[in-house]
Amino acid sequence: MGNVIHTETTTAQVLELVKTNLGISTTVFDAALTNNIELARSNLSDEGLTLDESNVPDAMLVVMYSTWLWHERETGAKMPRMLEAAINNKRMHQLMADAVEWQ
């Protein structure tokens, strides 16, 4: 199982990026969107990914996943290929890094 390193600052930053992606400018949906961010972190961790949201690509993966969760809730949209690719790329980079450390 993976791990996600985040702080209140990164949560606020991720929330603002998710809201920008969704075109939301009010705080009305902040609680629901924050729940989606936590669910995204949990799901990515359950997939074995280790994320450090102080790293921009890792934070953006959480943003993309959270944004998709919002759309999926409304429309039942399948996970976009871009998001699947980003998850697979992260997984491969993590496996390669682990292999190098193991040697």
C-alpha atoms as a PDB file:
ATOM      1  CA  MET A   1       0.000   0.000   0.000  1.00  0.00           C
ATOM      2  CA  GLY A   2       1.261   3.461  -0.844  1.00  0.00           C
ATOM      3  CA  ASN A   3       1.486   6.619   1.139  1.00  0.00           C
ATOM      4  CA  VAL A   4       0.423  10.186   0.457  1.00  0.00           C
ATOM      5  CA  ILE A   5       2.315  13.051   2.048  1.00  0.00           C
ATOM      6  CA  HIS A   6       0.194  16.183   2.273  1.00  0.00           C
ATOM      7  CA  THR A   7      -0.439  19.161   4.524  1.00  0.00           C
ATOM      8  CA  GLU A   8      -3.231  21.663   4.994  1.00  0.00           C
ATOM      9  CA  THR A   9      -1.355  23.896   2.545  1.00  0.00           C
ATOM     10  CA  THR A  10      -1.245  21.246  -0.164  1.00  0.00           C
ATOM     11  CA  THR A  11      -4.911  20.424   0.435  1.00  0.00           C
ATOM     12  CA  ALA A  12      -5.833  24.079  -0.042  1.00  0.00           C
ATOM     13  CA  GLN A  13      -3.648  24.304  -3.150  1.00  0.00           C
ATOM     14  CA  VAL A  14      -5.099  21.105  -4.624  1.00  0.00           C
ATOM     15  CA  LEU A  15      -8.617  22.356  -3.855  1.00  0.00           C
ATOM     16  CA  GLU A  16      -7.979  25.609  -5.713  1.00  0.00           C
ATOM     17  CA  LEU A  17      -6.586  23.735  -8.734  1.00  0.00           C
ATOM     18  CA  VAL A  18      -9.555  21.345  -8.772  1.00  0.00           C
ATOM     19  CA  LYS A  19     -11.964  24.280  -8.587  1.00  0.00           C
ATOM     20  CA  THR A  20     -10.132  25.974 -11.465  1.00  0.00           C
ATOM     21  CA  ASN A  21     -10.347  22.783 -13.557  1.00  0.00           C
ATOM     22  CA  LEU A  22     -14.066  22.590 -12.873  1.00  0.00           C
ATOM     23  CA  GLY A  23     -14.729  26.308 -13.387  1.00  0.00           C
ATOM     24  CA  ILE A  24     -16.000  26.721  -9.818  1.00  0.00           C
ATOM     25  CA  SER A  25     -15.316  30.102  -8.239  1.00  0.00           C
ATOM     26  CA  THR A  26     -17.401  29.897  -5.058  1.00  0.00           C
ATOM     27  CA  THR A  27     -16.867  28.008  -1.814  1.00  0.00           C
ATOM     28  CA  VAL A  28     -20.261  26.259  -1.983  1.00  0.00           C
ATOM     29  CA  PHE A  29     -18.754  22.921  -3.046  1.00  0.00           C
ATOM     30  CA  ASP A  30     -15.519  23.091  -1.022  1.00  0.00           C
ATOM     31  CA  ALA A  31     -16.527  20.377   1.447  1.00  0.00           C
ATOM     32  CA  ALA A  32     -17.594  17.960  -1.308  1.00  0.00           C
ATOM     33  CA  LEU A  33     -14.487  18.709  -3.351  1.00  0.00           C
ATOM     34  CA  THR A  34     -12.250  18.250  -0.305  1.00  0.00           C
ATOM     35  CA  ASN A  35     -13.893  14.864   0.259  1.00  0.00           C
ATOM     36  CA  ASN A  36     -13.079  13.992  -3.369  1.00  0.00           C
ATOM     37  CA  ILE A  37      -9.459  15.024  -2.790  1.00  0.00           C
ATOM     38  CA  GLU A  38      -9.235  12.731   0.239  1.00  0.00           C
ATOM     39  CA  LEU A  39     -10.892   9.905  -1.725  1.00  0.00           C
ATOM     40  CA  ALA A  40      -8.464  10.438  -4.606  1.00  0.00           C
ATOM     41  CA  ARG A  41      -5.520  10.256  -2.190  1.00  0.00           C
ATOM     42  CA  SER A  42      -6.919   7.109  -0.622  1.00  0.00           C
ATOM     43  CA  ASN A  43      -7.599   5.416  -3.953  1.00  0.00           C
ATOM     44  CA  LEU A  44      -4.139   6.256  -5.293  1.00  0.00           C
ATOM     45  CA  SER A  45      -2.575   4.987  -2.085  1.00  0.00           C
ATOM     46  CA  ASP A  46      -4.652   1.794  -2.297  1.00  0.00           C
ATOM     47  CA  GLU A  47      -3.199   1.279  -5.784  1.00  0.00           C
ATOM     48  CA  GLY A  48       0.220   1.205  -4.149  1.00  0.00           C
ATOM     49  CA  LEU A  49       1.345   4.661  -5.216  1.00  0.00           C
ATOM     50  CA  THR A  50       3.518   6.728  -2.911  1.00  0.00           C
ATOM     51  CA  LEU A  51       2.850  10.409  -3.475  1.00  0.00           C
ATOM     52  CA  ASP A  52       4.547  13.522  -2.148  1.00  0.00           C
ATOM     53  CA  GLU A  53       2.299  16.443  -2.978  1.00  0.00           C
ATOM     54  CA  SER A  54       5.153  18.922  -2.507  1.00  0.00           C
ATOM     55  CA  ASN A  55       6.231  17.399  -5.839  1.00  0.00           C
ATOM     56  CA  VAL A  56       4.174  19.134  -8.561  1.00  0.00           C
ATOM     57  CA  PRO A  57       3.548  16.030 -10.733  1.00  0.00           C
ATOM     58  CA  ASP A  58       2.241  14.101  -7.696  1.00  0.00           C
ATOM     59  CA  ALA A  59      -0.003  16.995  -6.672  1.00  0.00           C
ATOM     60  CA  MET A  60      -1.325  17.266 -10.226  1.00  0.00           C
ATOM     61  CA  LEU A  61      -2.135  13.544 -10.214  1.00  0.00           C
ATOM     62  CA  VAL A  62      -4.336  14.152  -7.160  1.00  0.00           C
ATOM     63  CA  VAL A  63      -5.901  17.159  -8.924  1.00  0.00           C
ATOM     64  CA  MET A  64      -6.665  15.124 -12.060  1.00  0.00           C
ATOM     65  CA  TYR A  65      -8.099  12.216 -10.064  1.00  0.00           C
ATOM     66  CA  SER A  66     -10.233  14.536  -7.912  1.00  0.00           C
ATOM     67  CA  THR A  67     -11.532  16.364 -10.967  1.00  0.00           C
ATOM     68  CA  TRP A  68     -12.456  13.053 -12.590  1.00  0.00           C
ATOM     69  CA  LEU A  69     -14.281  11.940  -9.424  1.00  0.00           C
ATOM     70  CA  TRP A  70     -16.417  15.082  -9.646  1.00  0.00           C
ATOM     71  CA  HIS A  71     -17.270  14.444 -13.300  1.00  0.00           C
ATOM     72  CA  GLU A  72     -17.826  10.722 -12.688  1.00  0.00           C
ATOM     73  CA  ARG A  73     -20.297  11.544  -9.914  1.00  0.00           C
ATOM     74  CA  GLU A  74     -22.314  13.727 -12.277  1.00  0.00           C
ATOM     75  CA  THR A  75     -22.101  11.725 -15.494  1.00  0.00           C
ATOM     76  CA  GLY A  76     -20.712   8.267 -14.755  1.00  0.00           C
ATOM     77  CA  ALA A  77     -17.766   9.165 -17.022  1.00  0.00           C
ATOM     78  CA  LYS A  78     -15.126   6.490 -17.467  1.00  0.00           C
ATOM     79  CA  MET A  79     -11.633   7.355 -16.248  1.00  0.00           C
ATOM     80  CA  PRO A  80      -9.912   9.377 -18.986  1.00  0.00           C
ATOM     81  CA  ARG A  81      -6.963   7.737 -20.752  1.00  0.00           C
ATOM     82  CA  MET A  82      -4.788  10.691 -19.721  1.00  0.00           C
ATOM     83  CA  LEU A  83      -5.450   9.917 -16.050  1.00  0.00           C
ATOM     84  CA  GLU A  84      -4.937   6.175 -16.537  1.00  0.00           C
ATOM     85  CA  ALA A  85      -1.633   6.919 -18.286  1.00  0.00           C
ATOM     86  CA  ALA A  86      -0.519   9.269 -15.494  1.00  0.00           C
ATOM     87  CA  ILE A  87      -1.280   6.609 -12.871  1.00  0.00           C
ATOM     88  CA  ASN A  88       0.554   3.936 -14.859  1.00  0.00           C
ATOM     89  CA  ASN A  89       3.532   6.248 -15.429  1.00  0.00           C
ATOM     90  CA  LYS A  90       3.741   6.999 -11.706  1.00  0.00           C
ATOM     91  CA  ARG A  91       3.530   3.293 -10.924  1.00  0.00           C
ATOM     92  CA  MET A  92       6.317   2.476 -13.415  1.00  0.00           C
ATOM     93  CA  HIS A  93       8.593   5.270 -12.165  1.00  0.00           C
ATOM     94  CA  GLN A  94       8.027   4.082  -8.610  1.00  0.00           C
ATOM     95  CA  LEU A  95       8.808   0.460  -9.530  1.00  0.00           C
ATOM     96  CA  MET A  96      11.958   1.521 -11.372  1.00  0.00           C
ATOM     97  CA  ALA A  97      13.107   3.653  -8.426  1.00  0.00           C
ATOM     98  CA  ASP A  98      12.455   0.782  -6.041  1.00  0.00           C
ATOM     99  CA  ALA A  99      14.436  -1.588  -8.295  1.00  0.00           C
ATOM    100  CA  VAL A 100      17.411   0.788  -8.363  1.00  0.00           C
ATOM    101  CA  GLU A 101      17.336   1.103  -4.556  1.00  0.00           C
ATOM    102  CA  TRP A 102      17.119  -2.670  -4.192  1.00  0.00           C
ATOM    103  CA  GLN A 103      20.302  -3.234  -6.183  1.00  0.00           C
END
